[in-house]
Each structure stands twice: as C-alpha cells, then as structure tokens.
Amino acid sequence: MLLDKLLLPRYANCGVPVLEEISEPQEAPIVIAGFGRYGQIVARVMLAQGVRLHRAGPRR
C-alpha cells in the first residue's frame, strides 16, 4: 500500500517522453521483427493460415 500511494506516483512521470502515434497506414495486422529461425517458422504458419504480415529487417 505504501508503495502504491507514495512512491509510484512520484516516479510515474519522471521525464519519460511521450511517444507519438504511428501515423502511416499499416497494411498488415502482424509485424514479425527478426526473421531468424523462429521468425521464419512463425511466418510460415501465419502465411499458411492466410494472415497478411510484414517482415521488419533485412531481406536475404
């Protein structure tokens, strides 16, 4: 209780900048960041289900 009432409000707004919302239109509902071994497996499963996705990172 003491932590919630005294300490957390003091450090809640300690100079952390507010980030802007992404304003560009997004075509794919899922973004895969990192296309290593696990990213490739996830992408294959999602594509097999017909889900559109966006791969973030370098293309090989």
Protein backbone atom coordinates (compact mmCIF):
# COMPACT_ATOMS: atom_id res chain seq x y z
CA MET A 1 0.00 0.00 0.00
CA LEU A 2 2.75 2.41 0.90
CA LEU A 3 4.47 1.75 -2.39
CA ASP A 4 1.29 2.41 -4.39
CA LYS A 5 0.35 5.62 -2.58
CA LEU A 6 3.72 7.30 -2.06
CA LEU A 7 6.46 6.00 -4.32
CA LEU A 8 4.78 5.09 -7.59
CA PRO A 9 3.04 8.46 -8.12
CA ARG A 10 6.37 10.22 -7.52
CA TYR A 11 8.16 8.26 -10.25
CA ALA A 12 5.27 7.82 -12.68
CA ASN A 13 6.10 10.95 -14.71
CA CYS A 14 9.84 11.27 -14.17
CA GLY A 15 10.73 12.85 -17.50
CA VAL A 16 9.84 9.97 -19.78
CA PRO A 17 9.00 11.42 -23.21
CA VAL A 18 5.55 10.73 -24.62
CA LEU A 19 5.85 8.81 -27.88
CA GLU A 20 3.87 9.80 -30.93
CA GLU A 21 1.34 7.51 -32.54
CA ILE A 22 2.25 5.86 -35.85
CA SER A 23 0.55 7.94 -38.50
CA GLU A 24 1.41 5.94 -41.60
CA PRO A 25 -1.18 3.42 -42.79
CA GLN A 26 -0.44 -0.19 -41.92
CA GLU A 27 -1.41 -2.87 -44.44
CA ALA A 28 -0.58 -5.96 -42.40
CA PRO A 29 -2.06 -6.62 -38.95
CA ILE A 30 1.07 -8.54 -37.80
CA VAL A 31 4.71 -7.44 -37.84
CA ILE A 32 7.47 -10.02 -37.46
CA ALA A 33 10.59 -8.25 -36.20
CA GLY A 34 13.53 -10.52 -36.77
CA PHE A 35 13.47 -13.20 -39.39
CA GLY A 36 15.77 -15.80 -37.86
CA ARG A 37 14.91 -19.41 -37.25
CA TYR A 38 11.83 -18.76 -35.09
CA GLY A 39 10.65 -15.79 -37.14
CA GLN A 40 10.63 -17.95 -40.27
CA ILE A 41 8.63 -20.67 -38.53
CA VAL A 42 6.06 -18.17 -37.26
CA ALA A 43 5.82 -16.54 -40.70
CA ARG A 44 5.23 -19.87 -42.44
CA VAL A 45 2.43 -20.81 -40.03
CA MET A 46 0.79 -17.38 -40.38
CA LEU A 47 1.04 -17.37 -44.17
CA ALA A 48 -0.39 -20.90 -44.33
CA GLN A 49 -3.41 -19.60 -42.39
CA GLY A 50 -3.82 -16.74 -44.89
CA VAL A 51 -2.78 -13.98 -42.48
CA ARG A 52 -1.06 -10.95 -44.02
CA LEU A 53 2.15 -9.96 -42.28
CA HIS A 54 5.02 -7.54 -42.59
CA ARG A 55 8.62 -8.62 -42.16
CA ALA A 56 10.80 -6.00 -40.44
CA GLY A 57 14.51 -6.32 -41.01
CA PRO A 58 16.98 -7.03 -43.79
CA ARG A 59 15.96 -9.28 -46.68
CA ARG A 60 18.30 -12.13 -47.60
